[in-house]
Amino acid sequence: MVDAFWKSLIRDVFPLLVPRRRWNVDRRNVRVGDVVLIADPKMVRGQWKVGRVTEVYPGDDNRVRNVQVKTANGLLRRTVNKIVVIYPVEGYE
């Protein structure tokens, strides 16, 4: 029962946390130093990784497409679709 709830949370709620980027709406790029939550459907429930962005890889349009994230267990490279900024480097106002 709990596993079914967790799978539905990952499938239904997590995508709502990732803002969709539209070509006509300019949104903030992910920046070095941002603290992020990393989506990984293979992770055990309640064990999503948190890390800090150490490097960004922009696309041809200068929008960040991939990032390198430092976690407690090492470095990961992920697309921006699979991360959620939970604390921006400049902080909250």
PDB file of N, CA and C in Angstrom:
ATOM      1  N   MET A   1       0.825  -1.187   0.000  1.00  0.00           N
ATOM      2  CA  MET A   1       0.000   0.000   0.000  1.00  0.00           C
ATOM      3  C   MET A   1       0.874   1.257   0.000  1.00  0.00           C
ATOM      4  N   VAL A   2       1.883   1.276   0.874  1.00  0.00           N
ATOM      5  CA  VAL A   2       2.752   2.445   0.946  1.00  0.00           C
ATOM      6  C   VAL A   2       3.565   2.574  -0.339  1.00  0.00           C
ATOM      7  N   ASP A   3       4.022   1.445  -0.887  1.00  0.00           N
ATOM      8  CA  ASP A   3       4.778   1.493  -2.135  1.00  0.00           C
ATOM      9  C   ASP A   3       3.920   2.014  -3.280  1.00  0.00           C
ATOM     10  N   ALA A   4       2.672   1.634  -3.320  1.00  0.00           N
ATOM     11  CA  ALA A   4       1.761   2.117  -4.362  1.00  0.00           C
ATOM     12  C   ALA A   4       1.565   3.628  -4.234  1.00  0.00           C
ATOM     13  N   PHE A   5       1.427   4.108  -2.999  1.00  0.00           N
ATOM     14  CA  PHE A   5       1.298   5.545  -2.768  1.00  0.00           C
ATOM     15  C   PHE A   5       2.553   6.269  -3.243  1.00  0.00           C
ATOM     16  N   TRP A   6       3.722   5.726  -2.907  1.00  0.00           N
ATOM     17  CA  TRP A   6       4.986   6.362  -3.267  1.00  0.00           C
ATOM     18  C   TRP A   6       5.151   6.427  -4.783  1.00  0.00           C
ATOM     19  N   LYS A   7       4.804   5.345  -5.478  1.00  0.00           N
ATOM     20  CA  LYS A   7       4.906   5.334  -6.933  1.00  0.00           C
ATOM     21  C   LYS A   7       3.976   6.373  -7.553  1.00  0.00           C
ATOM     22  N   SER A   8       2.772   6.496  -7.006  1.00  0.00           N
ATOM     23  CA  SER A   8       1.851   7.497  -7.546  1.00  0.00           C
ATOM     24  C   SER A   8       2.340   8.910  -7.233  1.00  0.00           C
ATOM     25  N   LEU A   9       2.986   9.099  -6.094  1.00  0.00           N
ATOM     26  CA  LEU A   9       3.550  10.405  -5.751  1.00  0.00           C
ATOM     27  C   LEU A   9       4.627  10.786  -6.759  1.00  0.00           C
ATOM     28  N   ILE A  10       5.509   9.860  -7.065  1.00  0.00           N
ATOM     29  CA  ILE A  10       6.573  10.125  -8.027  1.00  0.00           C
ATOM     30  C   ILE A  10       5.985  10.413  -9.406  1.00  0.00           C
ATOM     31  N   ARG A  11       5.003   9.642  -9.798  1.00  0.00           N
ATOM     32  CA  ARG A  11       4.420   9.761 -11.133  1.00  0.00           C
ATOM     33  C   ARG A  11       3.548  11.014 -11.273  1.00  0.00           C
ATOM     34  N   ASP A  12       2.782  11.358 -10.229  1.00  0.00           N
ATOM     35  CA  ASP A  12       1.790  12.426 -10.351  1.00  0.00           C
ATOM     36  C   ASP A  12       2.210  13.767  -9.757  1.00  0.00           C
ATOM     37  N   VAL A  13       2.927  13.759  -8.641  1.00  0.00           N
ATOM     38  CA  VAL A  13       3.240  15.009  -7.943  1.00  0.00           C
ATOM     39  C   VAL A  13       4.573  15.599  -8.379  1.00  0.00           C
ATOM     40  N   PHE A  14       5.598  14.760  -8.515  1.00  0.00           N
ATOM     41  CA  PHE A  14       6.920  15.297  -8.837  1.00  0.00           C
ATOM     42  C   PHE A  14       6.923  16.125 -10.119  1.00  0.00           C
ATOM     43  N   PRO A  15       6.253  15.690 -11.197  1.00  0.00           N
ATOM     44  CA  PRO A  15       6.238  16.537 -12.403  1.00  0.00           C
ATOM     45  C   PRO A  15       5.648  17.925 -12.170  1.00  0.00           C
ATOM     46  N   LEU A  16       4.777  18.072 -11.194  1.00  0.00           N
ATOM     47  CA  LEU A  16       4.208  19.385 -10.897  1.00  0.00           C
ATOM     48  C   LEU A  16       5.233  20.308 -10.252  1.00  0.00           C
ATOM     49  N   LEU A  17       6.259  19.741  -9.616  1.00  0.00           N
ATOM     50  CA  LEU A  17       7.295  20.542  -8.974  1.00  0.00           C
ATOM     51  C   LEU A  17       8.294  21.100  -9.982  1.00  0.00           C
ATOM     52  N   VAL A  18       8.423  20.447 -11.129  1.00  0.00           N
ATOM     53  CA  VAL A  18       9.353  20.879 -12.162  1.00  0.00           C
ATOM     54  C   VAL A  18       8.628  21.857 -13.074  1.00  0.00           C
ATOM     55  N   PRO A  19       9.026  23.128 -13.047  1.00  0.00           N
ATOM     56  CA  PRO A  19       8.331  24.095 -13.904  1.00  0.00           C
ATOM     57  C   PRO A  19       8.593  23.803 -15.373  1.00  0.00           C
ATOM     58  N   ARG A  20       7.566  23.829 -16.171  1.00  0.00           N
ATOM     59  CA  ARG A  20       7.696  23.621 -17.613  1.00  0.00           C
ATOM     60  C   ARG A  20       8.183  24.916 -18.247  1.00  0.00           C
ATOM     61  N   ARG A  21       9.178  24.797 -19.061  1.00  0.00           N
ATOM     62  CA  ARG A  21       9.728  25.968 -19.732  1.00  0.00           C
ATOM     63  C   ARG A  21       9.065  26.099 -21.100  1.00  0.00           C
ATOM     64  N   ARG A  22       8.470  27.223 -21.332  1.00  0.00           N
ATOM     65  CA  ARG A  22       7.851  27.494 -22.624  1.00  0.00           C
ATOM     66  C   ARG A  22       8.691  28.545 -23.333  1.00  0.00           C
ATOM     67  N   TRP A  23       8.666  28.471 -24.622  1.00  0.00           N
ATOM     68  CA  TRP A  23       9.498  29.375 -25.406  1.00  0.00           C
ATOM     69  C   TRP A  23       9.100  30.831 -25.218  1.00  0.00           C
ATOM     70  N   ASN A  24       7.858  31.094 -24.839  1.00  0.00           N
ATOM     71  CA  ASN A  24       7.405  32.474 -24.703  1.00  0.00           C
ATOM     72  C   ASN A  24       7.454  32.994 -23.267  1.00  0.00           C
ATOM     73  N   VAL A  25       7.856  32.164 -22.321  1.00  0.00           N
ATOM     74  CA  VAL A  25       7.966  32.579 -20.928  1.00  0.00           C
ATOM     75  C   VAL A  25       9.415  32.403 -20.497  1.00  0.00           C
ATOM     76  N   ASP A  26      10.067  33.505 -20.153  1.00  0.00           N
ATOM     77  CA  ASP A  26      11.461  33.442 -19.742  1.00  0.00           C
ATOM     78  C   ASP A  26      11.536  33.095 -18.261  1.00  0.00           C
ATOM     79  N   ARG A  27      12.177  31.994 -17.962  1.00  0.00           N
ATOM     80  CA  ARG A  27      12.321  31.551 -16.573  1.00  0.00           C
ATOM     81  C   ARG A  27      13.789  31.567 -16.179  1.00  0.00           C
ATOM     82  N   ARG A  28      14.027  31.516 -14.900  1.00  0.00           N
ATOM     83  CA  ARG A  28      15.374  31.523 -14.354  1.00  0.00           C
ATOM     84  C   ARG A  28      16.109  30.237 -14.731  1.00  0.00           C
ATOM     85  N   ASN A  29      17.342  30.372 -15.202  1.00  0.00           N
ATOM     86  CA  ASN A  29      18.193  29.222 -15.459  1.00  0.00           C
ATOM     87  C   ASN A  29      18.688  28.641 -14.141  1.00  0.00           C
ATOM     88  N   VAL A  30      18.949  27.361 -14.129  1.00  0.00           N
ATOM     89  CA  VAL A  30      19.608  26.746 -12.979  1.00  0.00           C
ATOM     90  C   VAL A  30      21.021  27.308 -12.935  1.00  0.00           C
ATOM     91  N   ARG A  31      21.518  27.610 -11.734  1.00  0.00           N
ATOM     92  CA  ARG A  31      22.835  28.232 -11.590  1.00  0.00           C
ATOM     93  C   ARG A  31      23.727  27.396 -10.687  1.00  0.00           C
ATOM     94  N   VAL A  32      25.025  27.595 -10.860  1.00  0.00           N
ATOM     95  CA  VAL A  32      25.998  26.941  -9.989  1.00  0.00           C
ATOM     96  C   VAL A  32      25.739  27.413  -8.564  1.00  0.00           C
ATOM     97  N   GLY A  33      25.658  26.476  -7.637  1.00  0.00           N
ATOM     98  CA  GLY A  33      25.400  26.796  -6.237  1.00  0.00           C
ATOM     99  C   GLY A  33      23.978  26.530  -5.797  1.00  0.00           C
ATOM    100  N   ASP A  34      23.049  26.357  -6.740  1.00  0.00           N
ATOM    101  CA  ASP A  34      21.664  26.037  -6.391  1.00  0.00           C
ATOM    102  C   ASP A  34      21.597  24.686  -5.683  1.00  0.00           C
ATOM    103  N   VAL A  35      20.755  24.587  -4.672  1.00  0.00           N
ATOM    104  CA  VAL A  35      20.497  23.310  -4.001  1.00  0.00           C
ATOM    105  C   VAL A  35      19.287  22.692  -4.689  1.00  0.00           C
ATOM    106  N   VAL A  36      19.437  21.422  -5.101  1.00  0.00           N
ATOM    107  CA  VAL A  36      18.400  20.777  -5.905  1.00  0.00           C
ATOM    108  C   VAL A  36      18.005  19.426  -5.326  1.00  0.00           C
ATOM    109  N   LEU A  37      16.780  19.035  -5.635  1.00  0.00           N
ATOM    110  CA  LEU A  37      16.253  17.706  -5.337  1.00  0.00           C
ATOM    111  C   LEU A  37      16.325  16.929  -6.641  1.00  0.00           C
ATOM    112  N   ILE A  38      16.887  15.715  -6.589  1.00  0.00           N
ATOM    113  CA  ILE A  38      17.112  14.927  -7.799  1.00  0.00           C
ATOM    114  C   ILE A  38      16.062  13.835  -7.897  1.00  0.00           C
ATOM    115  N   ALA A  39      15.342  13.825  -9.009  1.00  0.00           N
ATOM    116  CA  ALA A  39      14.317  12.803  -9.243  1.00  0.00           C
ATOM    117  C   ALA A  39      14.992  11.525  -9.711  1.00  0.00           C
ATOM    118  N   ASP A  40      14.647  10.414  -9.081  1.00  0.00           N
ATOM    119  CA  ASP A  40      15.154   9.115  -9.494  1.00  0.00           C
ATOM    120  C   ASP A  40      14.106   8.077  -9.152  1.00  0.00           C
ATOM    121  N   PRO A  41      13.373   7.578 -10.147  1.00  0.00           N
ATOM    122  CA  PRO A  41      12.295   6.627  -9.866  1.00  0.00           C
ATOM    123  C   PRO A  41      12.783   5.309  -9.269  1.00  0.00           C
ATOM    124  N   LYS A  42      14.081   5.036  -9.362  1.00  0.00           N
ATOM    125  CA  LYS A  42      14.627   3.794  -8.812  1.00  0.00           C
ATOM    126  C   LYS A  42      14.939   3.905  -7.316  1.00  0.00           C
ATOM    127  N   MET A  43      14.915   5.119  -6.797  1.00  0.00           N
ATOM    128  CA  MET A  43      15.245   5.307  -5.381  1.00  0.00           C
ATOM    129  C   MET A  43      14.124   4.791  -4.492  1.00  0.00           C
ATOM    130  N   VAL A  44      14.516   4.328  -3.320  1.00  0.00           N
ATOM    131  CA  VAL A  44      13.563   3.874  -2.319  1.00  0.00           C
ATOM    132  C   VAL A  44      12.757   5.079  -1.859  1.00  0.00           C
ATOM    133  N   ARG A  45      11.489   4.857  -1.548  1.00  0.00           N
ATOM    134  CA  ARG A  45      10.640   5.977  -1.156  1.00  0.00           C
ATOM    135  C   ARG A  45      11.234   6.755   0.018  1.00  0.00           C
ATOM    136  N   GLY A  46      11.128   8.052  -0.075  1.00  0.00           N
ATOM    137  CA  GLY A  46      11.649   8.923   0.968  1.00  0.00           C
ATOM    138  C   GLY A  46      13.151   9.117   0.929  1.00  0.00           C
ATOM    139  N   GLN A  47      13.822   8.604  -0.087  1.00  0.00           N
ATOM    140  CA  GLN A  47      15.278   8.661  -0.137  1.00  0.00           C
ATOM    141  C   GLN A  47      15.801   9.441  -1.342  1.00  0.00           C
ATOM    142  N   TRP A  48      15.049  10.418  -1.817  1.00  0.00           N
ATOM    143  CA  TRP A  48      15.540  11.209  -2.938  1.00  0.00           C
ATOM    144  C   TRP A  48      16.789  11.953  -2.526  1.00  0.00           C
ATOM    145  N   LYS A  49      17.684  12.121  -3.469  1.00  0.00           N
ATOM    146  CA  LYS A  49      18.959  12.774  -3.189  1.00  0.00           C
ATOM    147  C   LYS A  49      18.816  14.288  -3.285  1.00  0.00           C
ATOM    148  N   VAL A  50      19.595  14.949  -2.460  1.00  0.00           N
ATOM    149  CA  VAL A  50      19.698  16.405  -2.493  1.00  0.00           C
ATOM    150  C   VAL A  50      21.152  16.717  -2.797  1.00  0.00           C
ATOM    151  N   GLY A  51      21.380  17.713  -3.617  1.00  0.00           N
ATOM    152  CA  GLY A  51      22.750  18.074  -3.957  1.00  0.00           C
ATOM    153  C   GLY A  51      22.864  19.536  -4.324  1.00  0.00           C
ATOM    154  N   ARG A  52      24.097  19.918  -4.641  1.00  0.00           N
ATOM    155  CA  ARG A  52      24.384  21.300  -5.029  1.00  0.00           C
ATOM    156  C   ARG A  52      24.944  21.287  -6.451  1.00  0.00           C
ATOM    157  N   VAL A  53      24.438  22.183  -7.283  1.00  0.00           N
ATOM    158  CA  VAL A  53      24.887  22.269  -8.671  1.00  0.00           C
ATOM    159  C   VAL A  53      26.324  22.795  -8.691  1.00  0.00           C
ATOM    160  N   THR A  54      27.223  22.042  -9.354  1.00  0.00           N
ATOM    161  CA  THR A  54      28.625  22.446  -9.441  1.00  0.00           C
ATOM    162  C   THR A  54      29.010  22.929 -10.832  1.00  0.00           C
ATOM    163  N   GLU A  55      28.229  22.521 -11.844  1.00  0.00           N
ATOM    164  CA  GLU A  55      28.528  22.934 -13.208  1.00  0.00           C
ATOM    165  C   GLU A  55      27.247  22.902 -14.027  1.00  0.00           C
ATOM    166  N   VAL A  56      27.120  23.838 -14.964  1.00  0.00           N
ATOM    167  CA  VAL A  56      25.949  23.869 -15.845  1.00  0.00           C
ATOM    168  C   VAL A  56      26.416  23.715 -17.288  1.00  0.00           C
ATOM    169  N   TYR A  57      25.563  23.094 -18.101  1.00  0.00           N
ATOM    170  CA  TYR A  57      25.866  22.851 -19.510  1.00  0.00           C
ATOM    171  C   TYR A  57      24.734  23.428 -20.356  1.00  0.00           C
ATOM    172  N   PRO A  58      24.938  24.637 -20.898  1.00  0.00           N
ATOM    173  CA  PRO A  58      23.878  25.254 -21.699  1.00  0.00           C
ATOM    174  C   PRO A  58      23.789  24.639 -23.093  1.00  0.00           C
ATOM    175  N   GLY A  59      22.601  24.768 -23.687  1.00  0.00           N
ATOM    176  CA  GLY A  59      22.383  24.328 -25.056  1.00  0.00           C
ATOM    177  C   GLY A  59      22.760  25.424 -26.032  1.00  0.00           C
ATOM    178  N   ASP A  60      22.430  25.224 -27.298  1.00  0.00           N
ATOM    179  CA  ASP A  60      22.737  26.207 -28.343  1.00  0.00           C
ATOM    180  C   ASP A  60      22.033  27.540 -28.114  1.00  0.00           C
ATOM    181  N   ASP A  61      20.925  27.517 -27.384  1.00  0.00           N
ATOM    182  CA  ASP A  61      20.155  28.731 -27.117  1.00  0.00           C
ATOM    183  C   ASP A  61      20.543  29.406 -25.800  1.00  0.00           C
ATOM    184  N   ASN A  62      21.645  28.968 -25.196  1.00  0.00           N
ATOM    185  CA  ASN A  62      22.164  29.494 -23.925  1.00  0.00           C
ATOM    186  C   ASN A  62      21.264  29.206 -22.735  1.00  0.00           C
ATOM    187  N   ARG A  63      20.301  28.311 -22.884  1.00  0.00           N
ATOM    188  CA  ARG A  63      19.485  27.850 -21.759  1.00  0.00           C
ATOM    189  C   ARG A  63      20.166  26.612 -21.187  1.00  0.00           C
ATOM    190  N   VAL A  64      20.197  26.501 -19.876  1.00  0.00           N
ATOM    191  CA  VAL A  64      20.831  25.345 -19.243  1.00  0.00           C
ATOM    192  C   VAL A  64      19.994  24.107 -19.527  1.00  0.00           C
ATOM    193  N   ARG A  65      20.632  23.079 -20.055  1.00  0.00           N
ATOM    194  CA  ARG A  65      19.958  21.822 -20.394  1.00  0.00           C
ATOM    195  C   ARG A  65      20.368  20.684 -19.474  1.00  0.00           C
ATOM    196  N   ASN A  66      21.633  20.672 -19.043  1.00  0.00           N
ATOM    197  CA  ASN A  66      22.167  19.634 -18.161  1.00  0.00           C
ATOM    198  C   ASN A  66      22.953  20.295 -17.052  1.00  0.00           C
ATOM    199  N   VAL A  67      23.048  19.609 -15.928  1.00  0.00           N
ATOM    200  CA  VAL A  67      23.825  20.115 -14.800  1.00  0.00           C
ATOM    201  C   VAL A  67      24.628  18.982 -14.185  1.00  0.00           C
ATOM    202  N   GLN A  68      25.712  19.366 -13.534  1.00  0.00           N
ATOM    203  CA  GLN A  68      26.467  18.422 -12.718  1.00  0.00           C
ATOM    204  C   GLN A  68      26.147  18.755 -11.272  1.00  0.00           C
ATOM    205  N   VAL A  69      25.769  17.732 -10.510  1.00  0.00           N
ATOM    206  CA  VAL A  69      25.327  17.936  -9.133  1.00  0.00           C
ATOM    207  C   VAL A  69      26.229  17.149  -8.197  1.00  0.00           C
ATOM    208  N   LYS A  70      26.703  17.807  -7.145  1.00  0.00           N
ATOM    209  CA  LYS A  70      27.498  17.127  -6.126  1.00  0.00           C
ATOM    210  C   LYS A  70      26.559  16.694  -5.011  1.00  0.00           C
ATOM    211  N   THR A  71      26.560  15.388  -4.729  1.00  0.00           N
ATOM    212  CA  THR A  71      25.771  14.841  -3.630  1.00  0.00           C
ATOM    213  C   THR A  71      26.730  14.299  -2.585  1.00  0.00           C
ATOM    214  N   ALA A  72      26.193  13.750  -1.526  1.00  0.00           N
ATOM    215  CA  ALA A  72      27.027  13.159  -0.484  1.00  0.00           C
ATOM    216  C   ALA A  72      27.817  11.963  -1.011  1.00  0.00           C
ATOM    217  N   ASN A  73      27.312  11.327  -2.082  1.00  0.00           N
ATOM    218  CA  ASN A  73      27.954  10.125  -2.614  1.00  0.00           C
ATOM    219  C   ASN A  73      28.789  10.366  -3.860  1.00  0.00           C
ATOM    220  N   GLY A  74      28.899  11.580  -4.333  1.00  0.00           N
ATOM    221  CA  GLY A  74      29.695  11.854  -5.525  1.00  0.00           C
ATOM    222  C   GLY A  74      29.017  12.829  -6.461  1.00  0.00           C
ATOM    223  N   LEU A  75      29.465  12.814  -7.717  1.00  0.00           N
ATOM    224  CA  LEU A  75      28.945  13.729  -8.728  1.00  0.00           C
ATOM    225  C   LEU A  75      27.993  13.001  -9.664  1.00  0.00           C
ATOM    226  N   LEU A  76      26.913  13.688 -10.044  1.00  0.00           N
ATOM    227  CA  LEU A  76      25.935  13.162 -10.991  1.00  0.00           C
ATOM    228  C   LEU A  76      25.716  14.198 -12.080  1.00  0.00           C
ATOM    229  N   ARG A  77      25.422  13.730 -13.279  1.00  0.00           N
ATOM    230  CA  ARG A  77      25.029  14.642 -14.353  1.00  0.00           C
ATOM    231  C   ARG A  77      23.588  14.317 -14.707  1.00  0.00           C
ATOM    232  N   ARG A  78      22.717  15.342 -14.663  1.00  0.00           N
ATOM    233  CA  ARG A  78      21.290  15.154 -14.913  1.00  0.00           C
ATOM    234  C   ARG A  78      20.766  16.266 -15.818  1.00  0.00           C
ATOM    235  N   THR A  79      19.651  15.976 -16.484  1.00  0.00           N
ATOM    236  CA  THR A  79      18.970  17.014 -17.254  1.00  0.00           C
ATOM    237  C   THR A  79      18.164  17.874 -16.282  1.00  0.00           C
ATOM    238  N   VAL A  80      17.852  19.083 -16.690  1.00  0.00           N
ATOM    239  CA  VAL A  80      17.098  19.970 -15.805  1.00  0.00           C
ATOM    240  C   VAL A  80      15.671  19.478 -15.599  1.00  0.00           C
ATOM    241  N   ASN A  81      15.196  18.553 -16.449  1.00  0.00           N
ATOM    242  CA  ASN A  81      13.857  17.982 -16.267  1.00  0.00           C
ATOM    243  C   ASN A  81      13.797  17.064 -15.061  1.00  0.00           C
ATOM    244  N   LYS A  82      14.940  16.577 -14.604  1.00  0.00           N
ATOM    245  CA  LYS A  82      14.983  15.598 -13.520  1.00  0.00           C
ATOM    246  C   LYS A  82      15.428  16.193 -12.190  1.00  0.00           C
ATOM    247  N   ILE A  83      15.459  17.516 -12.110  1.00  0.00           N
ATOM    248  CA  ILE A  83      15.828  18.169 -10.854  1.00  0.00           C
ATOM    249  C   ILE A  83      14.823  19.271 -10.533  1.00  0.00           C
ATOM    250  N   VAL A  84      14.760  19.612  -9.258  1.00  0.00           N
ATOM    251  CA  VAL A  84      13.924  20.722  -8.797  1.00  0.00           C
ATOM    252  C   VAL A  84      14.790  21.596  -7.904  1.00  0.00           C
ATOM    253  N   VAL A  85      14.875  22.880  -8.208  1.00  0.00           N
ATOM    254  CA  VAL A  85      15.627  23.807  -7.358  1.00  0.00           C
ATOM    255  C   VAL A  85      14.820  24.020  -6.085  1.00  0.00           C
ATOM    256  N   ILE A  86      15.399  23.622  -4.947  1.00  0.00           N
ATOM    257  CA  ILE A  86      14.691  23.817  -3.682  1.00  0.00           C
ATOM    258  C   ILE A  86      15.242  25.005  -2.899  1.00  0.00           C
ATOM    259  N   TYR A  87      16.476  25.437  -3.231  1.00  0.00           N
ATOM    260  CA  TYR A  87      17.016  26.643  -2.616  1.00  0.00           C
ATOM    261  C   TYR A  87      17.979  27.293  -3.606  1.00  0.00           C
ATOM    262  N   PRO A  88      17.584  28.402  -4.216  1.00  0.00           N
ATOM    263  CA  PRO A  88      18.456  29.063  -5.191  1.00  0.00           C
ATOM    264  C   PRO A  88      19.685  29.668  -4.521  1.00  0.00           C
ATOM    265  N   VAL A  89      20.746  29.809  -5.290  1.00  0.00           N
ATOM    266  CA  VAL A  89      22.009  30.311  -4.757  1.00  0.00           C
ATOM    267  C   VAL A  89      21.864  31.719  -4.176  1.00  0.00           C
ATOM    268  N   GLU A  90      20.981  32.536  -4.757  1.00  0.00           N
ATOM    269  CA  GLU A  90      20.803  33.895  -4.235  1.00  0.00           C
ATOM    270  C   GLU A  90      19.852  33.944  -3.043  1.00  0.00           C
ATOM    271  N   GLY A  91      19.282  32.816  -2.669  1.00  0.00           N
ATOM    272  CA  GLY A  91      18.381  32.745  -1.521  1.00  0.00           C
ATOM    273  C   GLY A  91      16.979  33.212  -1.877  1.00  0.00           C
ATOM    274  N   TYR A  92      16.131  33.187  -0.890  1.00  0.00           N
ATOM    275  CA  TYR A  92      14.757  33.660  -1.068  1.00  0.00           C
ATOM    276  C   TYR A  92      14.646  35.063  -0.511  1.00  0.00           C
ATOM    277  N   GLU A  93      13.760  35.843  -1.106  1.00  0.00           N
ATOM    278  CA  GLU A  93      13.591  37.228  -0.640  1.00  0.00           C
ATOM    279  C   GLU A  93      12.432  37.344   0.302  1.00  0.00           C
TER     280      GLU A  93
END
